[in-house]
Amino acid sequence: MAVLSKRATIYFDPDIHKILKIKAAENSTTISELIDRAVKYGLKKNKGIFAGESDEVKQSAVYSERLVDKLRKDGKI
């Protein structure tokens, strides 16, 4: 498992949670690592996911896109 430095609580539909537990066991990893990989993949492939309507959200989206670009440049995603 990768060294993760932040923690968050995420709530899943019970069926999704069951699938994640099975997939984690099949891959000898944890649900956290699966989610970390999925989020990194999503950020890498879907650069426009932070688009929004309000000016505040747009400014936040620009900042978020810069962070995503930095993660790409650093080889983290």
N, C-alpha and C. Protein backbone atom coordinates (compact mmCIF):
# COMPACT_ATOMS: atom_id res chain seq x y z
N MET A 1 0.84 -1.18 0.00
CA MET A 1 0.00 0.00 0.00
C MET A 1 0.87 1.23 0.00
N ALA A 2 0.47 2.23 -0.77
CA ALA A 2 1.21 3.49 -0.82
C ALA A 2 1.08 4.21 0.52
N VAL A 3 2.05 5.04 0.83
CA VAL A 3 2.00 5.83 2.05
C VAL A 3 1.06 7.01 1.81
N LEU A 4 -0.05 7.01 2.51
CA LEU A 4 -1.04 8.07 2.36
C LEU A 4 -0.94 9.01 3.54
N SER A 5 -1.03 10.30 3.28
CA SER A 5 -0.80 11.26 4.35
C SER A 5 -2.06 11.94 4.86
N LYS A 6 -3.18 11.78 4.20
CA LYS A 6 -4.43 12.40 4.64
C LYS A 6 -5.51 11.35 4.71
N ARG A 7 -6.50 11.59 5.57
CA ARG A 7 -7.57 10.63 5.74
C ARG A 7 -8.90 11.35 5.56
N ALA A 8 -9.86 10.64 4.95
CA ALA A 8 -11.21 11.17 4.77
C ALA A 8 -12.20 10.04 5.00
N THR A 9 -13.38 10.40 5.43
CA THR A 9 -14.45 9.42 5.58
C THR A 9 -15.34 9.51 4.35
N ILE A 10 -15.57 8.36 3.73
CA ILE A 10 -16.40 8.30 2.53
C ILE A 10 -17.50 7.27 2.78
N TYR A 11 -18.73 7.63 2.43
CA TYR A 11 -19.85 6.72 2.60
C TYR A 11 -20.25 6.15 1.25
N PHE A 12 -20.38 4.82 1.19
CA PHE A 12 -20.75 4.12 -0.03
C PHE A 12 -22.08 3.42 0.13
N ASP A 13 -22.74 3.23 -0.97
CA ASP A 13 -23.89 2.35 -1.03
C ASP A 13 -23.41 0.97 -0.56
N PRO A 14 -24.20 0.24 0.23
CA PRO A 14 -23.75 -1.06 0.73
C PRO A 14 -23.28 -2.03 -0.35
N ASP A 15 -23.92 -2.03 -1.49
CA ASP A 15 -23.49 -2.93 -2.57
C ASP A 15 -22.14 -2.52 -3.14
N ILE A 16 -21.91 -1.22 -3.25
CA ILE A 16 -20.61 -0.72 -3.73
C ILE A 16 -19.52 -1.10 -2.72
N HIS A 17 -19.81 -0.93 -1.46
CA HIS A 17 -18.84 -1.27 -0.41
C HIS A 17 -18.49 -2.75 -0.47
N LYS A 18 -19.49 -3.60 -0.68
CA LYS A 18 -19.25 -5.03 -0.77
C LYS A 18 -18.33 -5.35 -1.95
N ILE A 19 -18.58 -4.73 -3.08
CA ILE A 19 -17.74 -4.93 -4.27
C ILE A 19 -16.31 -4.47 -3.99
N LEU A 20 -16.17 -3.32 -3.35
CA LEU A 20 -14.83 -2.81 -3.04
C LEU A 20 -14.08 -3.76 -2.10
N LYS A 21 -14.77 -4.31 -1.11
CA LYS A 21 -14.13 -5.26 -0.21
C LYS A 21 -13.65 -6.49 -0.97
N ILE A 22 -14.47 -6.98 -1.87
CA ILE A 22 -14.09 -8.16 -2.66
C ILE A 22 -12.90 -7.84 -3.56
N LYS A 23 -12.97 -6.70 -4.27
CA LYS A 23 -11.87 -6.32 -5.16
C LYS A 23 -10.58 -6.11 -4.39
N ALA A 24 -10.66 -5.50 -3.22
CA ALA A 24 -9.47 -5.29 -2.40
C ALA A 24 -8.86 -6.63 -2.00
N ALA A 25 -9.70 -7.56 -1.59
CA ALA A 25 -9.19 -8.89 -1.21
C ALA A 25 -8.58 -9.62 -2.39
N GLU A 26 -9.22 -9.52 -3.55
CA GLU A 26 -8.69 -10.18 -4.75
C GLU A 26 -7.32 -9.64 -5.14
N ASN A 27 -7.09 -8.36 -4.86
CA ASN A 27 -5.84 -7.72 -5.25
C ASN A 27 -4.86 -7.55 -4.09
N SER A 28 -5.15 -8.19 -2.97
CA SER A 28 -4.29 -8.10 -1.77
C SER A 28 -3.95 -6.65 -1.43
N THR A 29 -4.97 -5.82 -1.40
CA THR A 29 -4.78 -4.41 -1.08
C THR A 29 -5.92 -3.97 -0.17
N THR A 30 -6.07 -2.69 0.01
CA THR A 30 -7.13 -2.14 0.86
C THR A 30 -8.12 -1.34 0.01
N ILE A 31 -9.28 -1.11 0.58
CA ILE A 31 -10.26 -0.25 -0.08
C ILE A 31 -9.66 1.14 -0.28
N SER A 32 -8.95 1.63 0.71
CA SER A 32 -8.33 2.96 0.60
C SER A 32 -7.41 3.06 -0.61
N GLU A 33 -6.60 2.04 -0.81
CA GLU A 33 -5.68 2.05 -1.95
C GLU A 33 -6.45 1.99 -3.27
N LEU A 34 -7.51 1.18 -3.33
CA LEU A 34 -8.33 1.14 -4.54
C LEU A 34 -8.93 2.51 -4.85
N ILE A 35 -9.45 3.17 -3.83
CA ILE A 35 -10.06 4.49 -4.03
C ILE A 35 -9.00 5.51 -4.43
N ASP A 36 -7.82 5.44 -3.78
CA ASP A 36 -6.73 6.35 -4.14
C ASP A 36 -6.36 6.20 -5.61
N ARG A 37 -6.23 4.95 -6.07
CA ARG A 37 -5.90 4.70 -7.48
C ARG A 37 -7.00 5.22 -8.40
N ALA A 38 -8.26 4.97 -8.03
CA ALA A 38 -9.38 5.40 -8.86
C ALA A 38 -9.46 6.91 -8.97
N VAL A 39 -9.24 7.60 -7.87
CA VAL A 39 -9.28 9.07 -7.89
C VAL A 39 -8.13 9.61 -8.74
N LYS A 40 -6.94 9.06 -8.57
CA LYS A 40 -5.81 9.51 -9.38
C LYS A 40 -6.08 9.29 -10.86
N TYR A 41 -6.63 8.12 -11.19
CA TYR A 41 -6.96 7.82 -12.58
C TYR A 41 -8.00 8.83 -13.10
N GLY A 42 -9.02 9.08 -12.31
CA GLY A 42 -10.05 10.03 -12.71
C GLY A 42 -9.50 11.42 -12.92
N LEU A 43 -8.62 11.87 -12.05
CA LEU A 43 -8.02 13.19 -12.19
C LEU A 43 -7.13 13.25 -13.43
N LYS A 44 -6.41 12.18 -13.69
CA LYS A 44 -5.50 12.14 -14.83
C LYS A 44 -6.26 12.15 -16.15
N LYS A 45 -7.35 11.40 -16.22
CA LYS A 45 -8.10 11.24 -17.46
C LYS A 45 -9.15 12.30 -17.70
N ASN A 46 -9.65 12.91 -16.65
CA ASN A 46 -10.80 13.80 -16.79
C ASN A 46 -10.49 15.18 -16.23
N LYS A 47 -9.65 15.90 -16.93
CA LYS A 47 -9.15 17.17 -16.44
C LYS A 47 -10.26 18.18 -16.14
N GLY A 48 -11.38 18.11 -16.83
CA GLY A 48 -12.44 19.10 -16.66
C GLY A 48 -13.45 18.79 -15.58
N ILE A 49 -13.16 17.89 -14.65
CA ILE A 49 -14.17 17.51 -13.68
C ILE A 49 -14.49 18.60 -12.66
N PHE A 50 -13.69 19.64 -12.60
CA PHE A 50 -13.91 20.68 -11.62
C PHE A 50 -14.69 21.87 -12.16
N ALA A 51 -15.21 21.77 -13.36
CA ALA A 51 -15.94 22.89 -13.96
C ALA A 51 -17.18 23.21 -13.14
N GLY A 52 -17.51 24.50 -13.02
CA GLY A 52 -18.66 24.92 -12.24
C GLY A 52 -19.32 26.15 -12.83
N GLU A 53 -20.36 26.63 -12.18
CA GLU A 53 -21.14 27.75 -12.68
C GLU A 53 -20.72 29.09 -12.09
N SER A 54 -20.62 29.19 -10.77
CA SER A 54 -20.36 30.48 -10.14
C SER A 54 -18.91 30.91 -10.31
N ASP A 55 -18.65 32.21 -10.14
CA ASP A 55 -17.29 32.72 -10.24
C ASP A 55 -16.40 32.11 -9.17
N GLU A 56 -16.95 31.93 -7.97
CA GLU A 56 -16.18 31.33 -6.88
C GLU A 56 -15.79 29.89 -7.23
N VAL A 57 -16.72 29.15 -7.78
CA VAL A 57 -16.44 27.77 -8.17
C VAL A 57 -15.45 27.76 -9.33
N LYS A 58 -15.58 28.69 -10.28
CA LYS A 58 -14.64 28.76 -11.40
C LYS A 58 -13.24 29.05 -10.92
N GLN A 59 -13.10 29.97 -9.94
CA GLN A 59 -11.78 30.27 -9.41
C GLN A 59 -11.20 29.05 -8.70
N SER A 60 -12.05 28.36 -7.96
CA SER A 60 -11.62 27.13 -7.30
C SER A 60 -11.22 26.08 -8.33
N ALA A 61 -11.95 26.02 -9.43
CA ALA A 61 -11.65 25.05 -10.49
C ALA A 61 -10.29 25.32 -11.09
N VAL A 62 -9.96 26.59 -11.31
CA VAL A 62 -8.65 26.94 -11.87
C VAL A 62 -7.55 26.50 -10.90
N TYR A 63 -7.74 26.78 -9.62
CA TYR A 63 -6.76 26.37 -8.61
C TYR A 63 -6.63 24.84 -8.60
N SER A 64 -7.76 24.14 -8.62
CA SER A 64 -7.74 22.69 -8.61
C SER A 64 -7.04 22.14 -9.84
N GLU A 65 -7.30 22.73 -11.00
CA GLU A 65 -6.64 22.28 -12.23
C GLU A 65 -5.14 22.46 -12.14
N ARG A 66 -4.70 23.53 -11.51
CA ARG A 66 -3.26 23.75 -11.33
C ARG A 66 -2.65 22.66 -10.45
N LEU A 67 -3.38 22.29 -9.40
CA LEU A 67 -2.91 21.21 -8.53
C LEU A 67 -2.83 19.89 -9.29
N VAL A 68 -3.84 19.62 -10.11
CA VAL A 68 -3.83 18.40 -10.92
C VAL A 68 -2.65 18.41 -11.89
N ASP A 69 -2.41 19.55 -12.52
CA ASP A 69 -1.27 19.67 -13.43
C ASP A 69 0.05 19.43 -12.69
N LYS A 70 0.16 19.95 -11.47
CA LYS A 70 1.38 19.74 -10.68
C LYS A 70 1.55 18.26 -10.34
N LEU A 71 0.46 17.58 -9.96
CA LEU A 71 0.56 16.15 -9.67
C LEU A 71 1.00 15.38 -10.89
N ARG A 72 0.49 15.76 -12.07
CA ARG A 72 0.92 15.10 -13.32
C ARG A 72 2.41 15.32 -13.54
N LYS A 73 2.82 16.57 -13.41
CA LYS A 73 4.22 16.93 -13.65
C LYS A 73 5.15 16.18 -12.69
N ASP A 74 4.71 16.02 -11.45
CA ASP A 74 5.52 15.32 -10.43
C ASP A 74 5.43 13.80 -10.55
N GLY A 75 4.61 13.32 -11.50
CA GLY A 75 4.48 11.88 -11.71
C GLY A 75 3.65 11.17 -10.66
N LYS A 76 2.84 11.92 -9.92
CA LYS A 76 2.01 11.32 -8.88
C LYS A 76 0.69 10.79 -9.43
N ILE A 77 0.29 11.27 -10.59
CA ILE A 77 -0.90 10.71 -11.25
C ILE A 77 -0.58 10.55 -12.73
